[in-house]
Amino acid sequence: MEAESFDIVRIEERVRKNISDSVAKETPLTIFLNGQKYVTLFCTPDKPKYLAVGFLRSEGLLVDKDDIKSIRVNSQRSAVRVNTKSKRIPVEGLTLKRFTSGSGKGASWYFTQESTQAEDYQKVSARIKIPAKTISDLMKTFQRGSKLFTATGGVHCAALCDVKNIILLNEDVGRHNAIDKTFGEAMLKSIPTNDKILLTSGRVSSEMLTKAAKEGVPIVASISAPTDLAISLARSLGMTLIGFARDKGMNVYSGEWRIE
């Protein structure tokens, strides 16, 4: 488990006591593409290969699995080196060295000025439908499956599902990272995403929605809230966007026809 134990002081109802507390680990991960240093993300140290691939894919620097020539993970130096057959390199002249995708905009905002215009993305046309109860059941399983959150309360979680089961589940201190890990894993395992559901524990921002849109995911559901721009994009792109999916209820902000 990617957690560290700390001796701390707990104060509750004027009572002070010494306890041991589990805290999520956060570590820098430097991603190199075709020999060039691209970015250092701060993340949970598990599954660095999936994070690197998912992040580069979301940046438009990886086309598909066949585009990858090699991936090397150096755990001691906390680095991942990805080489592609096309030998593309990142845009030069960008000097930001570190970024944590824990909150706010993800790193792509700083590197590529990610577009939030719906016409820049293909509309999602998948005709799948799913009962509202299944979404609720999947979300319950999703929350139970987040072992690091249960232990620390300090991470976000993302999962890829079909209309019955959770297929992939990843955790990270950054909500963007958790999604990138999930799409990176799907890509490397050749799991199609254009008929799947993305579950997330974090707020759905426009950037998180566009990550799903690039993968053709028709349904995005979160325990938390979406932003106004995420809702507008989802409606323009034909995606189903669900927020506050908790207990037996949920808010459907777009594409409600997919929810039975």
C-alpha atoms as a PDB file:
ATOM      1  CA  MET A   1       0.000   0.000   0.000  1.00  0.00           C
ATOM      2  CA  GLU A   2       1.278   3.456  -0.945  1.00  0.00           C
ATOM      3  CA  ALA A   3       0.990   4.973   2.529  1.00  0.00           C
ATOM      4  CA  GLU A   4       3.344   6.201   5.228  1.00  0.00           C
ATOM      5  CA  SER A   5       2.726   6.032   8.977  1.00  0.00           C
ATOM      6  CA  PHE A   6       3.265   9.133  11.139  1.00  0.00           C
ATOM      7  CA  ASP A   7       3.053   9.620  14.892  1.00  0.00           C
ATOM      8  CA  ILE A   8       0.693  12.531  15.446  1.00  0.00           C
ATOM      9  CA  VAL A   9      -1.380  14.237  18.116  1.00  0.00           C
ATOM     10  CA  ARG A  10      -5.154  13.763  17.897  1.00  0.00           C
ATOM     11  CA  ILE A  11      -7.383  16.325  19.651  1.00  0.00           C
ATOM     12  CA  GLU A  12     -11.046  15.518  20.096  1.00  0.00           C
ATOM     13  CA  GLU A  13     -13.483  17.114  22.557  1.00  0.00           C
ATOM     14  CA  ARG A  14     -10.596  18.708  24.483  1.00  0.00           C
ATOM     15  CA  VAL A  15      -8.852  15.358  24.829  1.00  0.00           C
ATOM     16  CA  ARG A  16      -5.325  15.081  23.439  1.00  0.00           C
ATOM     17  CA  LYS A  17      -3.780  11.718  22.617  1.00  0.00           C
ATOM     18  CA  ASN A  18      -0.854  10.350  20.638  1.00  0.00           C
ATOM     19  CA  ILE A  19      -1.805   8.108  17.729  1.00  0.00           C
ATOM     20  CA  SER A  20      -0.343   6.676  14.522  1.00  0.00           C
ATOM     21  CA  ASP A  21      -1.870   8.000  11.300  1.00  0.00           C
ATOM     22  CA  SER A  22      -1.611   6.605   7.743  1.00  0.00           C
ATOM     23  CA  VAL A  23      -0.870   9.260   5.109  1.00  0.00           C
ATOM     24  CA  ALA A  24      -0.791   8.870   1.325  1.00  0.00           C
ATOM     25  CA  LYS A  25       2.658   8.998  -0.243  1.00  0.00           C
ATOM     26  CA  GLU A  26       3.413  11.761  -2.745  1.00  0.00           C
ATOM     27  CA  THR A  27       6.485  11.597  -4.951  1.00  0.00           C
ATOM     28  CA  PRO A  28       7.845  13.340  -8.067  1.00  0.00           C
ATOM     29  CA  LEU A  29       7.720  11.411 -11.337  1.00  0.00           C
ATOM     30  CA  THR A  30       9.651  12.777 -14.318  1.00  0.00           C
ATOM     31  CA  ILE A  31       8.406  11.812 -17.769  1.00  0.00           C
ATOM     32  CA  PHE A  32      10.796  11.751 -20.727  1.00  0.00           C
ATOM     33  CA  LEU A  33       9.559  11.472 -24.299  1.00  0.00           C
ATOM     34  CA  ASN A  34      12.039  10.389 -26.975  1.00  0.00           C
ATOM     35  CA  GLY A  35      14.948  11.409 -24.776  1.00  0.00           C
ATOM     36  CA  GLN A  36      13.577  14.844 -23.892  1.00  0.00           C
ATOM     37  CA  LYS A  37      12.444  15.761 -20.400  1.00  0.00           C
ATOM     38  CA  TYR A  38       8.826  16.826 -20.591  1.00  0.00           C
ATOM     39  CA  VAL A  39       7.317  17.221 -17.137  1.00  0.00           C
ATOM     40  CA  THR A  40       7.619  16.233 -13.491  1.00  0.00           C
ATOM     41  CA  LEU A  41       4.313  15.273 -11.928  1.00  0.00           C
ATOM     42  CA  PHE A  42       3.734  14.869  -8.210  1.00  0.00           C
ATOM     43  CA  CYS A  43       1.791  11.693  -7.704  1.00  0.00           C
ATOM     44  CA  THR A  44       1.234   8.505  -5.766  1.00  0.00           C
ATOM     45  CA  PRO A  45       4.203   6.255  -6.651  1.00  0.00           C
ATOM     46  CA  ASP A  46       2.247   3.224  -7.872  1.00  0.00           C
ATOM     47  CA  LYS A  47       1.731   2.412 -11.577  1.00  0.00           C
ATOM     48  CA  PRO A  48       4.121   5.052 -13.029  1.00  0.00           C
ATOM     49  CA  LYS A  49       4.020   3.422 -16.467  1.00  0.00           C
ATOM     50  CA  TYR A  50       0.253   3.809 -16.718  1.00  0.00           C
ATOM     51  CA  LEU A  51       0.421   7.418 -15.525  1.00  0.00           C
ATOM     52  CA  ALA A  52       3.113   8.352 -18.050  1.00  0.00           C
ATOM     53  CA  VAL A  53       1.280   6.738 -20.963  1.00  0.00           C
ATOM     54  CA  GLY A  54      -2.092   8.174 -19.970  1.00  0.00           C
ATOM     55  CA  PHE A  55      -0.645  11.644 -19.476  1.00  0.00           C
ATOM     56  CA  LEU A  56       1.187  11.657 -22.822  1.00  0.00           C
ATOM     57  CA  ARG A  57      -1.934  10.319 -24.519  1.00  0.00           C
ATOM     58  CA  SER A  58      -4.031  13.130 -23.017  1.00  0.00           C
ATOM     59  CA  GLU A  59      -1.418  15.635 -24.248  1.00  0.00           C
ATOM     60  CA  GLY A  60      -1.794  14.312 -27.790  1.00  0.00           C
ATOM     61  CA  LEU A  61       1.789  12.998 -27.808  1.00  0.00           C
ATOM     62  CA  LEU A  62       0.789   9.330 -28.108  1.00  0.00           C
ATOM     63  CA  VAL A  63      -1.558   8.105 -30.793  1.00  0.00           C
ATOM     64  CA  ASP A  64      -2.162   4.529 -29.684  1.00  0.00           C
ATOM     65  CA  LYS A  65      -0.424   1.490 -28.216  1.00  0.00           C
ATOM     66  CA  ASP A  66       1.275   0.667 -31.520  1.00  0.00           C
ATOM     67  CA  ASP A  67       2.903   4.107 -31.497  1.00  0.00           C
ATOM     68  CA  ILE A  68       5.031   3.090 -28.478  1.00  0.00           C
ATOM     69  CA  LYS A  69       8.474   1.702 -29.223  1.00  0.00           C
ATOM     70  CA  SER A  70       9.625   1.237 -25.614  1.00  0.00           C
ATOM     71  CA  ILE A  71       8.833   2.185 -22.014  1.00  0.00           C
ATOM     72  CA  ARG A  72      11.442   2.117 -19.270  1.00  0.00           C
ATOM     73  CA  VAL A  73      10.658   2.774 -15.621  1.00  0.00           C
ATOM     74  CA  ASN A  74      13.524   3.807 -13.355  1.00  0.00           C
ATOM     75  CA  SER A  75      12.166   3.450  -9.822  1.00  0.00           C
ATOM     76  CA  GLN A  76      15.354   4.699  -8.176  1.00  0.00           C
ATOM     77  CA  ARG A  77      15.312   7.956 -10.146  1.00  0.00           C
ATOM     78  CA  SER A  78      11.500   8.117 -10.197  1.00  0.00           C
ATOM     79  CA  ALA A  79      11.392   8.479 -13.948  1.00  0.00           C
ATOM     80  CA  VAL A  80       9.629   6.968 -16.952  1.00  0.00           C
ATOM     81  CA  ARG A  81      11.187   7.091 -20.419  1.00  0.00           C
ATOM     82  CA  VAL A  82       8.819   6.612 -23.344  1.00  0.00           C
ATOM     83  CA  ASN A  83      10.080   6.274 -26.912  1.00  0.00           C
ATOM     84  CA  THR A  84       7.747   6.381 -29.887  1.00  0.00           C
ATOM     85  CA  LYS A  85       8.126   5.025 -33.396  1.00  0.00           C
ATOM     86  CA  SER A  86       7.337   8.416 -34.901  1.00  0.00           C
ATOM     87  CA  LYS A  87      10.084  10.103 -32.817  1.00  0.00           C
ATOM     88  CA  ARG A  88       7.852  13.079 -32.038  1.00  0.00           C
ATOM     89  CA  ILE A  89       9.124  15.349 -29.284  1.00  0.00           C
ATOM     90  CA  PRO A  90       7.320  17.800 -27.013  1.00  0.00           C
ATOM     91  CA  VAL A  91       6.990  21.454 -27.931  1.00  0.00           C
ATOM     92  CA  GLU A  92      10.221  23.281 -27.111  1.00  0.00           C
ATOM     93  CA  GLY A  93      10.526  26.426 -25.037  1.00  0.00           C
ATOM     94  CA  LEU A  94       8.290  25.320 -22.191  1.00  0.00           C
ATOM     95  CA  THR A  95      10.227  25.561 -18.966  1.00  0.00           C
ATOM     96  CA  LEU A  96       7.820  24.485 -16.238  1.00  0.00           C
ATOM     97  CA  LYS A  97       9.697  21.787 -14.337  1.00  0.00           C
ATOM     98  CA  ARG A  98       7.192  20.515 -11.834  1.00  0.00           C
ATOM     99  CA  PHE A  99       3.481  20.237 -11.430  1.00  0.00           C
ATOM    100  CA  THR A 100       1.081  18.446  -9.154  1.00  0.00           C
ATOM    101  CA  SER A 101      -2.229  17.439 -10.681  1.00  0.00           C
ATOM    102  CA  GLY A 102      -3.933  17.384  -7.314  1.00  0.00           C
ATOM    103  CA  SER A 103      -6.327  20.245  -7.904  1.00  0.00           C
ATOM    104  CA  GLY A 104      -7.257  22.907 -10.362  1.00  0.00           C
ATOM    105  CA  LYS A 105      -6.097  22.580 -13.932  1.00  0.00           C
ATOM    106  CA  GLY A 106      -3.955  19.629 -14.939  1.00  0.00           C
ATOM    107  CA  ALA A 107      -0.521  19.990 -16.440  1.00  0.00           C
ATOM    108  CA  SER A 108      -1.845  20.191 -19.988  1.00  0.00           C
ATOM    109  CA  TRP A 109      -3.129  23.696 -19.220  1.00  0.00           C
ATOM    110  CA  TYR A 110       0.432  24.847 -18.704  1.00  0.00           C
ATOM    111  CA  PHE A 111       1.948  22.984 -21.639  1.00  0.00           C
ATOM    112  CA  THR A 112      -0.534  22.967 -24.490  1.00  0.00           C
ATOM    113  CA  GLN A 113      -3.236  25.445 -23.524  1.00  0.00           C
ATOM    114  CA  GLU A 114      -5.873  22.736 -23.870  1.00  0.00           C
ATOM    115  CA  SER A 115      -8.873  23.875 -25.879  1.00  0.00           C
ATOM    116  CA  THR A 116     -12.277  23.934 -24.251  1.00  0.00           C
ATOM    117  CA  GLN A 117     -14.121  24.386 -27.557  1.00  0.00           C
ATOM    118  CA  ALA A 118     -16.505  21.543 -28.359  1.00  0.00           C
ATOM    119  CA  GLU A 119     -15.717  21.719 -32.087  1.00  0.00           C
ATOM    120  CA  ASP A 120     -12.154  20.591 -31.320  1.00  0.00           C
ATOM    121  CA  TYR A 121     -13.396  17.143 -30.230  1.00  0.00           C
ATOM    122  CA  GLN A 122     -15.375  14.420 -31.938  1.00  0.00           C
ATOM    123  CA  LYS A 123     -18.909  13.953 -30.690  1.00  0.00           C
ATOM    124  CA  VAL A 124     -19.516  10.812 -28.664  1.00  0.00           C
ATOM    125  CA  SER A 125     -22.038   8.653 -30.481  1.00  0.00           C
ATOM    126  CA  ALA A 126     -22.209   5.472 -28.370  1.00  0.00           C
ATOM    127  CA  ARG A 127     -25.833   4.399 -27.936  1.00  0.00           C
ATOM    128  CA  ILE A 128     -25.362   2.431 -24.713  1.00  0.00           C
ATOM    129  CA  LYS A 129     -27.970   2.693 -21.990  1.00  0.00           C
ATOM    130  CA  ILE A 130     -27.712   1.775 -18.318  1.00  0.00           C
ATOM    131  CA  PRO A 131     -30.180   1.675 -15.418  1.00  0.00           C
ATOM    132  CA  ALA A 132     -29.716   4.365 -12.777  1.00  0.00           C
ATOM    133  CA  LYS A 133     -29.552   1.612 -10.158  1.00  0.00           C
ATOM    134  CA  THR A 134     -26.533   0.089 -11.922  1.00  0.00           C
ATOM    135  CA  ILE A 135     -24.727   3.431 -11.723  1.00  0.00           C
ATOM    136  CA  SER A 136     -25.483   3.537  -7.980  1.00  0.00           C
ATOM    137  CA  ASP A 137     -24.291  -0.053  -7.515  1.00  0.00           C
ATOM    138  CA  LEU A 138     -21.104   0.598  -9.481  1.00  0.00           C
ATOM    139  CA  MET A 139     -20.413   3.709  -7.400  1.00  0.00           C
ATOM    140  CA  LYS A 140     -20.814   1.760  -4.152  1.00  0.00           C
ATOM    141  CA  THR A 141     -18.363  -0.877  -5.387  1.00  0.00           C
ATOM    142  CA  PHE A 142     -16.077   1.928  -6.559  1.00  0.00           C
ATOM    143  CA  GLN A 143     -15.991   3.538  -3.121  1.00  0.00           C
ATOM    144  CA  ARG A 144     -15.356   0.209  -1.384  1.00  0.00           C
ATOM    145  CA  GLY A 145     -12.558  -0.567  -3.841  1.00  0.00           C
ATOM    146  CA  SER A 146     -10.601   2.563  -3.000  1.00  0.00           C
ATOM    147  CA  LYS A 147      -8.349   0.931  -0.395  1.00  0.00           C
ATOM    148  CA  LEU A 148      -5.818   3.756  -0.165  1.00  0.00           C
ATOM    149  CA  PHE A 149      -8.575   6.302   0.419  1.00  0.00           C
ATOM    150  CA  THR A 150     -10.039   4.084   3.125  1.00  0.00           C
ATOM    151  CA  ALA A 151      -6.621   3.941   4.794  1.00  0.00           C
ATOM    152  CA  THR A 152      -5.641   7.605   4.396  1.00  0.00           C
ATOM    153  CA  GLY A 153      -8.563   9.728   3.222  1.00  0.00           C
ATOM    154  CA  GLY A 154      -6.008  11.535   1.061  1.00  0.00           C
ATOM    155  CA  VAL A 155      -6.385  10.310  -2.517  1.00  0.00           C
ATOM    156  CA  HIS A 156      -8.722  10.413  -5.476  1.00  0.00           C
ATOM    157  CA  CYS A 157      -9.935   7.417  -7.427  1.00  0.00           C
ATOM    158  CA  ALA A 158     -10.964   6.714 -11.020  1.00  0.00           C
ATOM    159  CA  ALA A 159     -12.418   3.591 -12.593  1.00  0.00           C
ATOM    160  CA  LEU A 160     -13.385   2.314 -16.013  1.00  0.00           C
ATOM    161  CA  CYS A 161     -16.539   0.179 -16.128  1.00  0.00           C
ATOM    162  CA  ASP A 162     -18.772  -1.641 -18.524  1.00  0.00           C
ATOM    163  CA  VAL A 163     -22.509  -1.740 -17.922  1.00  0.00           C
ATOM    164  CA  LYS A 164     -22.077  -4.419 -15.236  1.00  0.00           C
ATOM    165  CA  ASN A 165     -18.638  -4.328 -13.607  1.00  0.00           C
ATOM    166  CA  ILE A 166     -15.602  -2.229 -12.767  1.00  0.00           C
ATOM    167  CA  ILE A 167     -12.801  -3.240 -15.140  1.00  0.00           C
ATOM    168  CA  LEU A 168      -9.944  -0.941 -14.030  1.00  0.00           C
ATOM    169  CA  LEU A 169      -9.486   1.107 -10.856  1.00  0.00           C
ATOM    170  CA  ASN A 170      -6.672   3.505  -9.974  1.00  0.00           C
ATOM    171  CA  GLU A 171      -5.873   5.859  -7.104  1.00  0.00           C
ATOM    172  CA  ASP A 172      -3.658   8.917  -6.814  1.00  0.00           C
ATOM    173  CA  VAL A 173      -3.180  12.106  -4.820  1.00  0.00           C
ATOM    174  CA  GLY A 174      -4.249  13.923  -8.000  1.00  0.00           C
ATOM    175  CA  ARG A 175      -7.650  13.392  -9.565  1.00  0.00           C
ATOM    176  CA  HIS A 176      -6.192  14.082 -13.026  1.00  0.00           C
ATOM    177  CA  ASN A 177      -3.468  11.526 -12.340  1.00  0.00           C
ATOM    178  CA  ALA A 178      -5.991   8.868 -11.358  1.00  0.00           C
ATOM    179  CA  ILE A 179      -7.804   9.349 -14.672  1.00  0.00           C
ATOM    180  CA  ASP A 180      -4.564   9.344 -16.675  1.00  0.00           C
ATOM    181  CA  LYS A 181      -3.496   6.114 -14.956  1.00  0.00           C
ATOM    182  CA  THR A 182      -6.817   4.538 -15.886  1.00  0.00           C
ATOM    183  CA  PHE A 183      -6.690   5.534 -19.553  1.00  0.00           C
ATOM    184  CA  GLY A 184      -2.992   4.633 -19.736  1.00  0.00           C
ATOM    185  CA  GLU A 185      -3.738   1.171 -18.378  1.00  0.00           C
ATOM    186  CA  ALA A 186      -6.646   0.750 -20.794  1.00  0.00           C
ATOM    187  CA  MET A 187      -4.419   1.725 -23.713  1.00  0.00           C
ATOM    188  CA  LEU A 188      -1.595  -0.647 -22.790  1.00  0.00           C
ATOM    189  CA  LYS A 189      -4.045  -3.501 -22.180  1.00  0.00           C
ATOM    190  CA  SER A 190      -5.925  -2.796 -25.438  1.00  0.00           C
ATOM    191  CA  ILE A 191      -9.224  -2.218 -23.626  1.00  0.00           C
ATOM    192  CA  PRO A 192     -11.637  -0.153 -25.758  1.00  0.00           C
ATOM    193  CA  THR A 193     -13.062   2.905 -24.020  1.00  0.00           C
ATOM    194  CA  ASN A 194     -15.770   4.083 -26.431  1.00  0.00           C
ATOM    195  CA  ASP A 195     -18.425   1.903 -24.803  1.00  0.00           C
ATOM    196  CA  LYS A 196     -17.389   2.375 -21.172  1.00  0.00           C
ATOM    197  CA  ILE A 197     -18.265   4.436 -18.105  1.00  0.00           C
ATOM    198  CA  LEU A 198     -15.721   6.571 -16.254  1.00  0.00           C
ATOM    199  CA  LEU A 199     -16.227   6.890 -12.497  1.00  0.00           C
ATOM    200  CA  THR A 200     -14.334   9.538 -10.543  1.00  0.00           C
ATOM    201  CA  SER A 201     -14.237  10.732  -6.963  1.00  0.00           C
ATOM    202  CA  GLY A 202     -13.255  14.284  -7.872  1.00  0.00           C
ATOM    203  CA  ARG A 203     -14.942  17.383  -9.180  1.00  0.00           C
ATOM    204  CA  VAL A 204     -15.464  17.120 -12.949  1.00  0.00           C
ATOM    205  CA  SER A 205     -13.727  20.092 -14.529  1.00  0.00           C
ATOM    206  CA  SER A 206     -13.631  20.852 -18.255  1.00  0.00           C
ATOM    207  CA  GLU A 207     -10.168  19.288 -18.502  1.00  0.00           C
ATOM    208  CA  MET A 208     -11.291  16.050 -16.870  1.00  0.00           C
ATOM    209  CA  LEU A 209     -14.248  15.908 -19.234  1.00  0.00           C
ATOM    210  CA  THR A 210     -12.058  16.443 -22.296  1.00  0.00           C
ATOM    211  CA  LYS A 211      -9.767  13.616 -21.159  1.00  0.00           C
ATOM    212  CA  ALA A 212     -12.814  11.345 -21.312  1.00  0.00           C
ATOM    213  CA  ALA A 213     -14.001  12.873 -24.585  1.00  0.00           C
ATOM    214  CA  LYS A 214     -10.649  12.122 -26.261  1.00  0.00           C
ATOM    215  CA  GLU A 215     -11.155   8.466 -25.341  1.00  0.00           C
ATOM    216  CA  GLY A 216     -14.743   8.434 -26.637  1.00  0.00           C
ATOM    217  CA  VAL A 217     -16.173   7.617 -23.193  1.00  0.00           C
ATOM    218  CA  PRO A 218     -19.950   8.159 -23.357  1.00  0.00           C
ATOM    219  CA  ILE A 219     -20.735   8.341 -19.605  1.00  0.00           C
ATOM    220  CA  VAL A 220     -18.831  10.164 -16.855  1.00  0.00           C
ATOM    221  CA  ALA A 221     -20.120   9.853 -13.290  1.00  0.00           C
ATOM    222  CA  SER A 222     -18.714  11.488 -10.172  1.00  0.00           C
ATOM    223  CA  ILE A 223     -19.360  11.468  -6.457  1.00  0.00           C
ATOM    224  CA  SER A 224     -18.727  15.197  -6.601  1.00  0.00           C
ATOM    225  CA  ALA A 225     -19.945  18.142  -8.682  1.00  0.00           C
ATOM    226  CA  PRO A 226     -19.206  19.232 -12.258  1.00  0.00           C
ATOM    227  CA  THR A 227     -18.284  22.756 -13.343  1.00  0.00           C
ATOM    228  CA  ASP A 228     -20.445  24.806 -15.690  1.00  0.00           C
ATOM    229  CA  LEU A 229     -17.958  24.464 -18.545  1.00  0.00           C
ATOM    230  CA  ALA A 230     -17.847  20.694 -18.101  1.00  0.00           C
ATOM    231  CA  ILE A 231     -21.653  20.592 -18.385  1.00  0.00           C
ATOM    232  CA  SER A 232     -21.641  22.761 -21.516  1.00  0.00           C
ATOM    233  CA  LEU A 233     -18.976  20.607 -23.143  1.00  0.00           C
ATOM    234  CA  ALA A 234     -20.779  17.376 -22.249  1.00  0.00           C
ATOM    235  CA  ARG A 235     -23.998  18.660 -23.807  1.00  0.00           C
ATOM    236  CA  SER A 236     -22.196  19.802 -26.955  1.00  0.00           C
ATOM    237  CA  LEU A 237     -20.301  16.527 -27.317  1.00  0.00           C
ATOM    238  CA  GLY A 238     -23.260  14.215 -26.679  1.00  0.00           C
ATOM    239  CA  MET A 239     -21.790  12.835 -23.458  1.00  0.00           C
ATOM    240  CA  THR A 240     -23.730  11.786 -20.386  1.00  0.00           C
ATOM    241  CA  LEU A 241     -22.485  13.653 -17.313  1.00  0.00           C
ATOM    242  CA  ILE A 242     -23.558  12.625 -13.818  1.00  0.00           C
ATOM    243  CA  GLY A 243     -22.708  14.333 -10.546  1.00  0.00           C
ATOM    244  CA  PHE A 244     -23.413  13.703  -6.875  1.00  0.00           C
ATOM    245  CA  ALA A 245     -23.820   9.967  -7.548  1.00  0.00           C
ATOM    246  CA  ARG A 246     -24.230   8.949  -3.937  1.00  0.00           C
ATOM    247  CA  ASP A 247     -26.415   6.455  -2.109  1.00  0.00           C
ATOM    248  CA  LYS A 248     -29.494   5.998  -4.306  1.00  0.00           C
ATOM    249  CA  GLY A 249     -29.525   9.400  -6.020  1.00  0.00           C
ATOM    250  CA  MET A 250     -27.643  11.353  -8.685  1.00  0.00           C
ATOM    251  CA  ASN A 251     -27.869  14.496 -10.806  1.00  0.00           C
ATOM    252  CA  VAL A 252     -27.828  13.943 -14.580  1.00  0.00           C
ATOM    253  CA  TYR A 253     -26.581  17.121 -16.265  1.00  0.00           C
ATOM    254  CA  SER A 254     -26.498  15.932 -19.877  1.00  0.00           C
ATOM    255  CA  GLY A 255     -27.274  12.900 -22.031  1.00  0.00           C
ATOM    256  CA  GLU A 256     -30.020  11.740 -19.708  1.00  0.00           C
ATOM    257  CA  TRP A 257     -31.398   9.414 -22.408  1.00  0.00           C
ATOM    258  CA  ARG A 258     -28.597   6.946 -21.614  1.00  0.00           C
ATOM    259  CA  ILE A 259     -29.824   6.568 -18.024  1.00  0.00           C
ATOM    260  CA  GLU A 260     -32.866   4.324 -17.653  1.00  0.00           C
END
